[in-house]
N, C-alpha and C. Protein backbone atom coordinates (compact mmCIF):
# COMPACT_ATOMS: atom_id res chain seq x y z
N MET A 1 97.83 130.00 89.85
CA MET A 1 97.93 129.32 91.13
C MET A 1 99.37 129.42 91.62
N LEU A 2 99.52 129.83 92.87
CA LEU A 2 100.84 129.94 93.47
C LEU A 2 101.19 128.62 94.15
N PHE A 3 102.28 128.03 93.71
CA PHE A 3 102.73 126.79 94.31
C PHE A 3 103.78 127.10 95.35
N ARG A 4 104.14 126.12 96.14
CA ARG A 4 105.20 126.25 97.13
C ARG A 4 106.22 125.15 96.85
N GLU A 5 107.24 125.11 97.67
CA GLU A 5 108.30 124.12 97.52
C GLU A 5 107.77 122.69 97.64
N ILE A 6 106.82 122.50 98.57
CA ILE A 6 106.21 121.18 98.78
C ILE A 6 104.71 121.32 98.53
N VAL A 7 104.17 120.48 97.64
CA VAL A 7 102.74 120.50 97.35
C VAL A 7 102.14 119.16 97.76
N ILE A 8 101.07 119.23 98.55
CA ILE A 8 100.32 118.04 98.95
C ILE A 8 98.97 118.14 98.26
N ALA A 9 98.67 117.20 97.38
CA ALA A 9 97.44 117.25 96.58
C ALA A 9 96.55 116.06 96.90
N GLY A 10 95.36 116.35 97.43
CA GLY A 10 94.37 115.31 97.68
C GLY A 10 93.46 115.18 96.48
N CYS A 11 93.43 114.01 95.87
CA CYS A 11 92.65 113.78 94.65
C CYS A 11 91.43 112.93 94.96
N GLY A 12 90.33 113.19 94.24
CA GLY A 12 89.15 112.36 94.40
C GLY A 12 87.88 113.18 94.48
N ASN A 13 86.77 112.46 94.55
CA ASN A 13 85.45 113.09 94.57
C ASN A 13 84.63 112.53 95.72
N PRO A 14 84.29 113.38 96.71
CA PRO A 14 83.53 112.91 97.86
C PRO A 14 82.11 112.42 97.53
N LEU A 15 81.65 112.65 96.31
CA LEU A 15 80.32 112.18 95.91
C LEU A 15 80.30 110.70 95.54
N TYR A 16 81.47 110.07 95.50
CA TYR A 16 81.55 108.67 95.06
C TYR A 16 82.19 107.77 96.13
N GLY A 17 81.66 107.82 97.34
CA GLY A 17 82.12 106.92 98.39
C GLY A 17 83.58 107.13 98.74
N ASP A 18 84.34 106.05 98.72
CA ASP A 18 85.73 106.10 99.15
C ASP A 18 86.62 106.96 98.24
N ASP A 19 86.13 107.35 97.08
CA ASP A 19 86.91 108.24 96.21
C ASP A 19 87.13 109.60 96.87
N GLY A 20 86.39 109.90 97.93
CA GLY A 20 86.56 111.15 98.65
C GLY A 20 87.69 111.13 99.66
N PHE A 21 88.49 110.07 99.67
CA PHE A 21 89.58 109.92 100.63
C PHE A 21 90.60 111.07 100.54
N GLY A 22 91.08 111.38 99.35
CA GLY A 22 92.09 112.44 99.20
C GLY A 22 91.62 113.77 99.75
N PRO A 23 90.43 114.25 99.35
CA PRO A 23 89.93 115.51 99.92
C PRO A 23 89.72 115.44 101.43
N ALA A 24 89.33 114.28 101.98
CA ALA A 24 89.13 114.15 103.43
C ALA A 24 90.46 114.30 104.17
N VAL A 25 91.53 113.74 103.63
CA VAL A 25 92.85 113.88 104.26
C VAL A 25 93.30 115.34 104.18
N VAL A 26 93.07 115.99 103.04
CA VAL A 26 93.42 117.41 102.88
C VAL A 26 92.69 118.25 103.93
N GLU A 27 91.43 117.95 104.17
CA GLU A 27 90.65 118.68 105.18
C GLU A 27 91.32 118.58 106.55
N GLU A 28 91.81 117.40 106.91
CA GLU A 28 92.50 117.23 108.20
C GLU A 28 93.84 117.96 108.21
N LEU A 29 94.58 117.90 107.11
CA LEU A 29 95.88 118.57 107.04
C LEU A 29 95.73 120.09 107.18
N LYS A 30 94.64 120.63 106.66
CA LYS A 30 94.43 122.08 106.73
C LYS A 30 94.14 122.54 108.16
N LYS A 31 93.84 121.63 109.08
CA LYS A 31 93.63 121.97 110.49
C LYS A 31 94.96 122.11 111.23
N LEU A 32 96.04 121.67 110.61
CA LEU A 32 97.35 121.68 111.25
C LEU A 32 98.16 122.90 110.80
N GLN A 33 99.11 123.28 111.63
CA GLN A 33 100.01 124.36 111.24
C GLN A 33 101.22 123.72 110.56
N LEU A 34 101.32 123.97 109.27
CA LEU A 34 102.41 123.40 108.47
C LEU A 34 103.38 124.51 108.10
N PRO A 35 104.62 124.16 107.76
CA PRO A 35 105.59 125.19 107.38
C PRO A 35 105.11 126.03 106.19
N ASP A 36 105.63 127.24 106.08
CA ASP A 36 105.24 128.17 105.00
C ASP A 36 105.55 127.64 103.61
N ASN A 37 106.52 126.73 103.50
CA ASN A 37 106.89 126.22 102.18
C ASN A 37 106.01 125.06 101.72
N VAL A 38 104.93 124.77 102.48
CA VAL A 38 104.02 123.67 102.15
C VAL A 38 102.69 124.23 101.69
N LYS A 39 102.20 123.74 100.55
CA LYS A 39 100.88 124.12 100.03
C LYS A 39 100.02 122.86 99.99
N VAL A 40 98.86 122.90 100.65
CA VAL A 40 97.93 121.78 100.67
C VAL A 40 96.78 122.14 99.73
N ILE A 41 96.50 121.26 98.77
CA ILE A 41 95.50 121.54 97.73
C ILE A 41 94.50 120.39 97.64
N ASP A 42 93.22 120.74 97.61
CA ASP A 42 92.20 119.76 97.27
C ASP A 42 92.15 119.76 95.74
N ALA A 43 92.81 118.78 95.13
CA ALA A 43 92.91 118.74 93.67
C ALA A 43 91.61 118.26 93.04
N GLY A 44 90.69 117.79 93.85
CA GLY A 44 89.36 117.45 93.37
C GLY A 44 89.33 116.33 92.36
N LEU A 45 88.43 116.50 91.44
CA LEU A 45 88.07 115.43 90.51
C LEU A 45 88.81 115.51 89.19
N GLY A 46 88.62 116.58 88.44
CA GLY A 46 89.23 116.67 87.13
C GLY A 46 90.48 117.51 87.10
N ALA A 47 90.78 118.18 88.23
CA ALA A 47 91.91 119.10 88.26
C ALA A 47 93.28 118.45 88.26
N PRO A 48 93.47 117.21 88.77
CA PRO A 48 94.84 116.71 88.86
C PRO A 48 95.63 116.75 87.57
N HIS A 49 95.03 116.39 86.45
CA HIS A 49 95.75 116.41 85.18
C HIS A 49 96.31 117.80 84.91
N PHE A 50 95.49 118.82 85.10
CA PHE A 50 95.92 120.19 84.84
C PHE A 50 96.89 120.67 85.90
N LEU A 51 96.63 120.31 87.16
CA LEU A 51 97.50 120.70 88.26
C LEU A 51 98.91 120.18 88.04
N PHE A 52 99.04 118.90 87.70
CA PHE A 52 100.36 118.31 87.51
C PHE A 52 101.05 118.97 86.30
N THR A 53 100.29 119.29 85.27
CA THR A 53 100.85 119.93 84.09
C THR A 53 101.34 121.34 84.43
N LEU A 54 100.56 122.10 85.24
CA LEU A 54 100.95 123.46 85.62
C LEU A 54 102.24 123.51 86.44
N MET A 55 102.52 122.45 87.18
CA MET A 55 103.72 122.44 88.02
C MET A 55 105.00 122.54 87.21
N GLU A 56 104.94 122.08 85.97
CA GLU A 56 106.13 122.16 85.12
C GLU A 56 106.56 123.60 84.89
N ASP A 57 105.60 124.54 84.88
CA ASP A 57 105.88 125.94 84.57
C ASP A 57 105.75 126.84 85.79
N ALA A 58 105.74 126.29 86.99
CA ALA A 58 105.54 127.09 88.20
C ALA A 58 106.69 128.06 88.41
N GLU A 59 106.35 129.28 88.88
CA GLU A 59 107.38 130.28 89.19
C GLU A 59 108.25 129.82 90.34
N VAL A 60 107.62 129.34 91.42
CA VAL A 60 108.37 128.77 92.53
C VAL A 60 108.55 127.29 92.22
N PRO A 61 109.80 126.84 92.10
CA PRO A 61 109.99 125.42 91.75
C PRO A 61 109.42 124.50 92.82
N VAL A 62 108.58 123.57 92.39
CA VAL A 62 108.04 122.57 93.29
C VAL A 62 109.11 121.49 93.42
N ARG A 63 109.54 121.26 94.65
CA ARG A 63 110.60 120.30 94.91
C ARG A 63 110.03 118.92 95.23
N LYS A 64 108.86 118.90 95.91
CA LYS A 64 108.27 117.64 96.35
C LYS A 64 106.76 117.70 96.14
N LEU A 65 106.20 116.65 95.57
CA LEU A 65 104.77 116.52 95.36
C LEU A 65 104.31 115.24 96.07
N ILE A 66 103.32 115.40 96.95
CA ILE A 66 102.72 114.25 97.63
C ILE A 66 101.27 114.19 97.18
N ILE A 67 100.90 113.09 96.55
CA ILE A 67 99.54 112.88 96.06
C ILE A 67 98.84 111.91 97.00
N ILE A 68 97.64 112.27 97.43
CA ILE A 68 96.85 111.41 98.31
C ILE A 68 95.61 111.01 97.54
N ASP A 69 95.41 109.68 97.39
CA ASP A 69 94.32 109.20 96.56
C ASP A 69 94.01 107.76 96.95
N ILE A 70 92.89 107.25 96.44
CA ILE A 70 92.64 105.83 96.59
C ILE A 70 93.47 105.09 95.53
N ALA A 71 93.82 103.86 95.83
CA ALA A 71 94.58 103.04 94.89
C ALA A 71 94.24 101.58 95.15
N ASP A 72 93.94 100.87 94.11
CA ASP A 72 93.66 99.45 94.26
C ASP A 72 94.97 98.69 94.12
N PHE A 73 95.53 98.29 95.24
CA PHE A 73 96.78 97.54 95.22
C PHE A 73 96.60 96.15 95.84
N GLY A 74 95.33 95.69 95.87
CA GLY A 74 95.04 94.32 96.28
C GLY A 74 95.16 94.06 97.77
N ALA A 75 95.03 95.10 98.59
CA ALA A 75 95.15 94.94 100.04
C ALA A 75 93.77 94.98 100.69
N LYS A 76 93.75 95.01 102.03
CA LYS A 76 92.50 95.13 102.76
C LYS A 76 92.04 96.58 102.70
N PRO A 77 90.72 96.82 102.62
CA PRO A 77 90.22 98.20 102.63
C PRO A 77 90.78 98.97 103.83
N GLY A 78 91.26 100.18 103.57
CA GLY A 78 91.83 101.02 104.60
C GLY A 78 93.34 100.90 104.73
N ASP A 79 93.95 99.87 104.11
CA ASP A 79 95.41 99.78 104.12
C ASP A 79 95.99 100.92 103.29
N VAL A 80 97.15 101.41 103.71
CA VAL A 80 97.80 102.55 103.06
C VAL A 80 99.17 102.11 102.57
N THR A 81 99.55 102.61 101.40
CA THR A 81 100.86 102.31 100.85
C THR A 81 101.45 103.56 100.21
N LYS A 82 102.76 103.57 100.06
CA LYS A 82 103.44 104.65 99.34
C LYS A 82 103.91 104.09 98.01
N LEU A 83 103.64 104.84 96.95
CA LEU A 83 104.03 104.44 95.60
C LEU A 83 104.85 105.55 94.97
N ARG A 84 105.66 105.19 93.99
CA ARG A 84 106.41 106.14 93.18
C ARG A 84 105.79 106.12 91.77
N PRO A 85 105.99 107.15 90.96
CA PRO A 85 105.43 107.13 89.60
C PRO A 85 105.85 105.90 88.80
N GLU A 86 107.06 105.42 89.02
CA GLU A 86 107.52 104.25 88.26
C GLU A 86 106.81 102.97 88.68
N ASP A 87 106.11 103.00 89.82
CA ASP A 87 105.31 101.84 90.26
C ASP A 87 103.98 101.75 89.51
N LEU A 88 103.61 102.81 88.79
CA LEU A 88 102.32 102.87 88.12
C LEU A 88 102.47 102.42 86.67
N PRO A 89 101.86 101.31 86.28
CA PRO A 89 101.89 100.93 84.87
C PRO A 89 101.17 101.99 84.03
N PRO A 90 101.63 102.25 82.79
CA PRO A 90 100.95 103.25 81.96
C PRO A 90 99.46 102.97 81.88
N GLY A 91 98.68 104.02 82.11
CA GLY A 91 97.22 103.88 82.04
C GLY A 91 96.57 103.37 83.31
N ALA A 92 97.37 103.00 84.32
CA ALA A 92 96.81 102.42 85.54
C ALA A 92 96.28 103.47 86.51
N TYR A 93 96.69 104.72 86.34
CA TYR A 93 96.26 105.78 87.26
C TYR A 93 95.53 106.82 86.44
N ARG A 94 94.20 106.81 86.55
CA ARG A 94 93.34 107.71 85.76
C ARG A 94 92.42 108.48 86.67
N ASP A 95 92.04 109.67 86.21
CA ASP A 95 91.04 110.41 86.97
C ASP A 95 89.65 110.04 86.45
N ALA A 96 88.64 110.69 86.99
CA ALA A 96 87.25 110.35 86.64
C ALA A 96 86.92 110.63 85.19
N HIS A 97 87.73 111.47 84.54
CA HIS A 97 87.50 111.78 83.13
C HIS A 97 88.32 110.87 82.21
N SER A 98 88.94 109.85 82.80
CA SER A 98 89.76 108.87 82.08
C SER A 98 91.04 109.46 81.52
N TRP A 99 91.48 110.60 82.06
CA TRP A 99 92.80 111.11 81.67
C TRP A 99 93.85 110.30 82.40
N ASP A 100 94.87 109.91 81.70
CA ASP A 100 95.96 109.14 82.28
C ASP A 100 96.83 110.09 83.11
N LEU A 101 96.77 109.95 84.43
CA LEU A 101 97.56 110.81 85.31
C LEU A 101 99.00 110.34 85.43
N SER A 102 99.27 109.08 85.08
CA SER A 102 100.64 108.60 85.19
C SER A 102 101.53 109.27 84.15
N GLU A 103 100.96 109.70 83.02
CA GLU A 103 101.77 110.33 81.96
C GLU A 103 102.39 111.65 82.42
N PRO A 104 101.60 112.63 82.96
CA PRO A 104 102.26 113.85 83.44
C PRO A 104 103.19 113.58 84.62
N LEU A 105 102.86 112.58 85.44
CA LEU A 105 103.74 112.26 86.57
C LEU A 105 105.07 111.71 86.08
N GLN A 106 105.05 110.93 85.01
CA GLN A 106 106.30 110.42 84.44
C GLN A 106 107.19 111.57 83.97
N ARG A 107 106.56 112.62 83.39
CA ARG A 107 107.34 113.80 82.95
C ARG A 107 107.92 114.56 84.14
N LEU A 108 107.12 114.68 85.21
CA LEU A 108 107.55 115.47 86.37
C LEU A 108 108.57 114.76 87.26
N LYS A 109 108.58 113.43 87.25
CA LYS A 109 109.36 112.68 88.23
C LYS A 109 110.87 112.94 88.15
N ASP A 110 111.35 113.44 87.03
CA ASP A 110 112.78 113.72 86.91
C ASP A 110 113.17 115.06 87.52
N VAL A 111 112.17 115.95 87.75
CA VAL A 111 112.47 117.26 88.31
C VAL A 111 111.82 117.48 89.67
N ILE A 112 110.83 116.66 90.02
CA ILE A 112 110.12 116.79 91.29
C ILE A 112 110.10 115.42 91.97
N ASP A 113 110.39 115.39 93.27
CA ASP A 113 110.30 114.17 94.05
C ASP A 113 108.81 113.89 94.28
N ILE A 114 108.28 112.80 93.74
CA ILE A 114 106.85 112.50 93.80
C ILE A 114 106.60 111.24 94.62
N THR A 115 105.69 111.37 95.57
CA THR A 115 105.23 110.23 96.35
C THR A 115 103.71 110.18 96.25
N ILE A 116 103.17 109.01 96.00
CA ILE A 116 101.73 108.80 95.97
C ILE A 116 101.38 107.99 97.20
N ILE A 117 100.52 108.53 98.04
CA ILE A 117 100.06 107.79 99.22
C ILE A 117 98.66 107.29 98.87
N GLY A 118 98.57 105.99 98.69
CA GLY A 118 97.31 105.39 98.25
C GLY A 118 96.65 104.60 99.35
N CYS A 119 95.33 104.69 99.40
CA CYS A 119 94.53 103.93 100.36
C CYS A 119 93.66 102.95 99.58
N GLN A 120 93.68 101.70 100.02
CA GLN A 120 92.85 100.68 99.38
C GLN A 120 91.38 100.99 99.67
N PRO A 121 90.57 101.25 98.63
CA PRO A 121 89.16 101.53 98.88
C PRO A 121 88.36 100.26 99.14
N LYS A 122 87.22 100.43 99.79
CA LYS A 122 86.28 99.31 99.95
C LYS A 122 85.18 99.43 98.91
N ARG A 123 84.67 100.68 98.75
CA ARG A 123 83.56 100.86 97.82
C ARG A 123 83.68 102.23 97.15
N VAL A 124 83.66 102.20 95.82
CA VAL A 124 83.65 103.43 95.03
C VAL A 124 82.41 103.37 94.14
N ALA A 125 81.51 104.30 94.37
CA ALA A 125 80.29 104.34 93.56
C ALA A 125 80.64 104.78 92.14
N SER A 126 79.98 104.20 91.17
CA SER A 126 80.31 104.55 89.79
C SER A 126 79.14 105.22 89.06
N HIS A 127 77.93 104.90 89.42
CA HIS A 127 76.79 105.45 88.69
C HIS A 127 75.91 106.35 89.56
N GLU A 128 75.80 106.03 90.83
CA GLU A 128 74.95 106.79 91.74
C GLU A 128 75.85 107.53 92.72
N PHE A 129 75.39 108.67 93.18
CA PHE A 129 76.13 109.39 94.21
C PHE A 129 76.07 108.61 95.51
N GLU A 130 77.17 108.59 96.21
CA GLU A 130 77.24 107.92 97.51
C GLU A 130 78.15 108.75 98.41
N LEU A 131 77.55 109.56 99.26
CA LEU A 131 78.33 110.41 100.15
C LEU A 131 78.90 109.61 101.31
N GLY A 132 80.11 109.94 101.69
CA GLY A 132 80.72 109.34 102.87
C GLY A 132 81.67 108.22 102.56
N LEU A 133 82.69 108.15 103.39
CA LEU A 133 83.70 107.09 103.28
C LEU A 133 83.24 105.87 104.06
N THR A 134 83.70 104.70 103.65
CA THR A 134 83.45 103.50 104.44
C THR A 134 84.25 103.62 105.74
N GLU A 135 83.86 102.85 106.73
CA GLU A 135 84.52 102.90 108.04
C GLU A 135 86.02 102.61 107.92
N GLU A 136 86.38 101.64 107.09
CA GLU A 136 87.79 101.25 106.94
C GLU A 136 88.62 102.40 106.37
N VAL A 137 88.09 103.06 105.34
CA VAL A 137 88.83 104.15 104.69
C VAL A 137 88.85 105.39 105.59
N GLU A 138 87.75 105.66 106.27
CA GLU A 138 87.70 106.76 107.25
C GLU A 138 88.79 106.57 108.31
N GLY A 139 88.95 105.32 108.75
CA GLY A 139 89.96 105.00 109.76
C GLY A 139 91.39 105.17 109.28
N ALA A 140 91.60 105.24 107.97
CA ALA A 140 92.95 105.40 107.43
C ALA A 140 93.39 106.87 107.37
N ILE A 141 92.47 107.79 107.63
CA ILE A 141 92.82 109.21 107.53
C ILE A 141 93.92 109.61 108.53
N PRO A 142 93.80 109.31 109.83
CA PRO A 142 94.87 109.71 110.76
C PRO A 142 96.23 109.11 110.40
N LYS A 143 96.23 107.84 110.00
CA LYS A 143 97.48 107.19 109.61
C LYS A 143 98.09 107.90 108.40
N THR A 144 97.25 108.28 107.45
CA THR A 144 97.75 108.96 106.26
C THR A 144 98.30 110.33 106.61
N VAL A 145 97.64 111.05 107.51
CA VAL A 145 98.17 112.34 107.96
C VAL A 145 99.56 112.15 108.56
N ARG A 146 99.73 111.12 109.38
CA ARG A 146 101.05 110.84 109.98
C ARG A 146 102.09 110.56 108.90
N VAL A 147 101.72 109.78 107.88
CA VAL A 147 102.65 109.46 106.80
C VAL A 147 103.05 110.74 106.06
N VAL A 148 102.09 111.62 105.80
CA VAL A 148 102.38 112.89 105.12
C VAL A 148 103.34 113.72 105.96
N LEU A 149 103.06 113.84 107.26
CA LEU A 149 103.94 114.62 108.13
C LEU A 149 105.36 114.05 108.14
N GLU A 150 105.48 112.73 108.16
CA GLU A 150 106.81 112.11 108.09
C GLU A 150 107.49 112.46 106.77
N GLU A 151 106.74 112.43 105.67
CA GLU A 151 107.29 112.74 104.34
C GLU A 151 107.85 114.16 104.27
N ILE A 152 107.19 115.10 104.96
CA ILE A 152 107.65 116.50 104.88
C ILE A 152 108.54 116.87 106.07
N GLY A 153 108.81 115.90 106.95
CA GLY A 153 109.72 116.14 108.06
C GLY A 153 109.15 117.00 109.17
N VAL A 154 107.85 116.86 109.45
CA VAL A 154 107.21 117.65 110.50
C VAL A 154 106.73 116.70 111.59
N GLU A 155 107.05 117.02 112.84
CA GLU A 155 106.55 116.25 113.97
C GLU A 155 105.10 116.61 114.21
N TYR A 156 104.30 115.63 114.54
CA TYR A 156 102.88 115.87 114.80
C TYR A 156 102.69 116.95 115.85
N GLY A 157 103.43 116.88 116.94
CA GLY A 157 103.29 117.85 118.03
C GLY A 157 103.53 119.27 117.58
N ALA A 158 104.42 119.46 116.63
CA ALA A 158 104.72 120.80 116.13
C ALA A 158 103.63 121.30 115.19
N ALA A 159 102.80 120.39 114.67
CA ALA A 159 101.79 120.77 113.68
C ALA A 159 100.42 121.05 114.29
N ILE A 160 100.23 120.70 115.58
CA ILE A 160 98.92 120.92 116.21
C ILE A 160 98.67 122.42 116.28
N ASN A 161 97.52 122.84 115.82
CA ASN A 161 97.22 124.27 115.84
C ASN A 161 96.62 124.67 117.18
N HIS A 162 96.27 125.93 117.30
CA HIS A 162 95.74 126.45 118.55
C HIS A 162 94.41 125.82 118.94
N GLN A 163 93.73 125.15 118.01
CA GLN A 163 92.47 124.49 118.33
C GLN A 163 92.70 123.15 119.02
N GLY A 164 93.95 122.70 119.04
CA GLY A 164 94.26 121.45 119.72
C GLY A 164 93.76 120.22 119.01
N THR A 165 93.76 120.23 117.68
CA THR A 165 93.32 119.09 116.90
C THR A 165 94.18 117.87 117.23
N HIS A 166 93.56 116.75 117.58
CA HIS A 166 94.29 115.52 117.86
C HIS A 166 93.83 114.44 116.90
N LEU A 167 94.78 113.80 116.25
CA LEU A 167 94.44 112.77 115.28
C LEU A 167 94.79 111.37 115.77
N TRP A 168 95.50 111.28 116.89
CA TRP A 168 95.81 109.99 117.46
C TRP A 168 96.10 110.17 118.93
N ALA A 169 96.40 109.09 119.60
CA ALA A 169 96.51 109.10 121.05
C ALA A 169 97.54 110.11 121.55
N PRO A 170 97.27 110.80 122.65
CA PRO A 170 98.24 111.72 123.24
C PRO A 170 99.55 110.99 123.53
N GLY A 171 100.64 111.65 123.27
CA GLY A 171 101.96 111.05 123.50
C GLY A 171 102.48 110.29 122.30
N GLU A 172 101.61 109.95 121.37
CA GLU A 172 102.02 109.24 120.17
C GLU A 172 102.50 110.27 119.15
N THR A 173 103.64 110.04 118.55
CA THR A 173 104.18 110.97 117.57
C THR A 173 104.13 110.34 116.19
N ALA A 174 104.37 111.16 115.17
CA ALA A 174 104.40 110.63 113.81
C ALA A 174 105.44 109.53 113.68
N GLY A 175 106.50 109.60 114.46
CA GLY A 175 107.57 108.61 114.36
C GLY A 175 107.22 107.26 114.96
N ASN A 176 106.30 107.20 115.95
CA ASN A 176 106.02 105.91 116.57
C ASN A 176 104.59 105.44 116.33
N ALA A 177 103.85 106.16 115.48
CA ALA A 177 102.46 105.78 115.19
C ALA A 177 102.43 104.65 114.18
N GLY A 178 101.24 104.22 113.80
CA GLY A 178 101.01 103.07 112.91
C GLY A 178 101.91 103.00 111.69
N GLU A 179 102.07 101.83 111.21
CA GLU A 179 102.94 101.58 110.06
C GLU A 179 102.15 101.57 108.76
N THR A 180 102.84 101.82 107.65
CA THR A 180 102.20 101.68 106.35
C THR A 180 102.52 100.31 105.79
N THR A 181 101.70 99.88 104.89
CA THR A 181 101.95 98.61 104.23
C THR A 181 102.41 98.87 102.83
N GLY A 182 102.94 97.88 102.18
CA GLY A 182 103.32 98.03 100.77
C GLY A 182 104.76 98.43 100.63
N LYS A 183 105.02 99.22 99.59
CA LYS A 183 106.39 99.57 99.19
C LYS A 183 106.99 100.61 100.10
């Protein structure tokens, strides 16, 4: 896998309700024109552990990693926050296979600038498949795209592709759009 200077990884599984948030945000980001040094990846369900581990040996040094995922931080469903690896207690961030994702992130944080953009889920199915995000989490996608663009220093207007994708009101920029909650 060829990495770039900035990697944006959407984690989660769309078959389990709000757990599909990360891949849904990645889908929106792929509609935008981003700089050549940015790689957007749907890290899916079990891949994050391996993806984060592979970054340590990447040919092109990854300078910044932005992880998009659901996170239970005790807020209202759809609220978005930014976290750092040191904000994650050991064992608190796991994938669906129960691999501790905070462990590889702790190793990477000294060489890669890592930001986790977490959305408070409303419902995550655990035993039965449940397609689709709840309304609250679906509504957090445009805000999360704006936060990602701010993190990588790209103005929304510069990222609109030839299809004219609009994620928020005309005239609104990443700099003056909705605020994030949390840290």
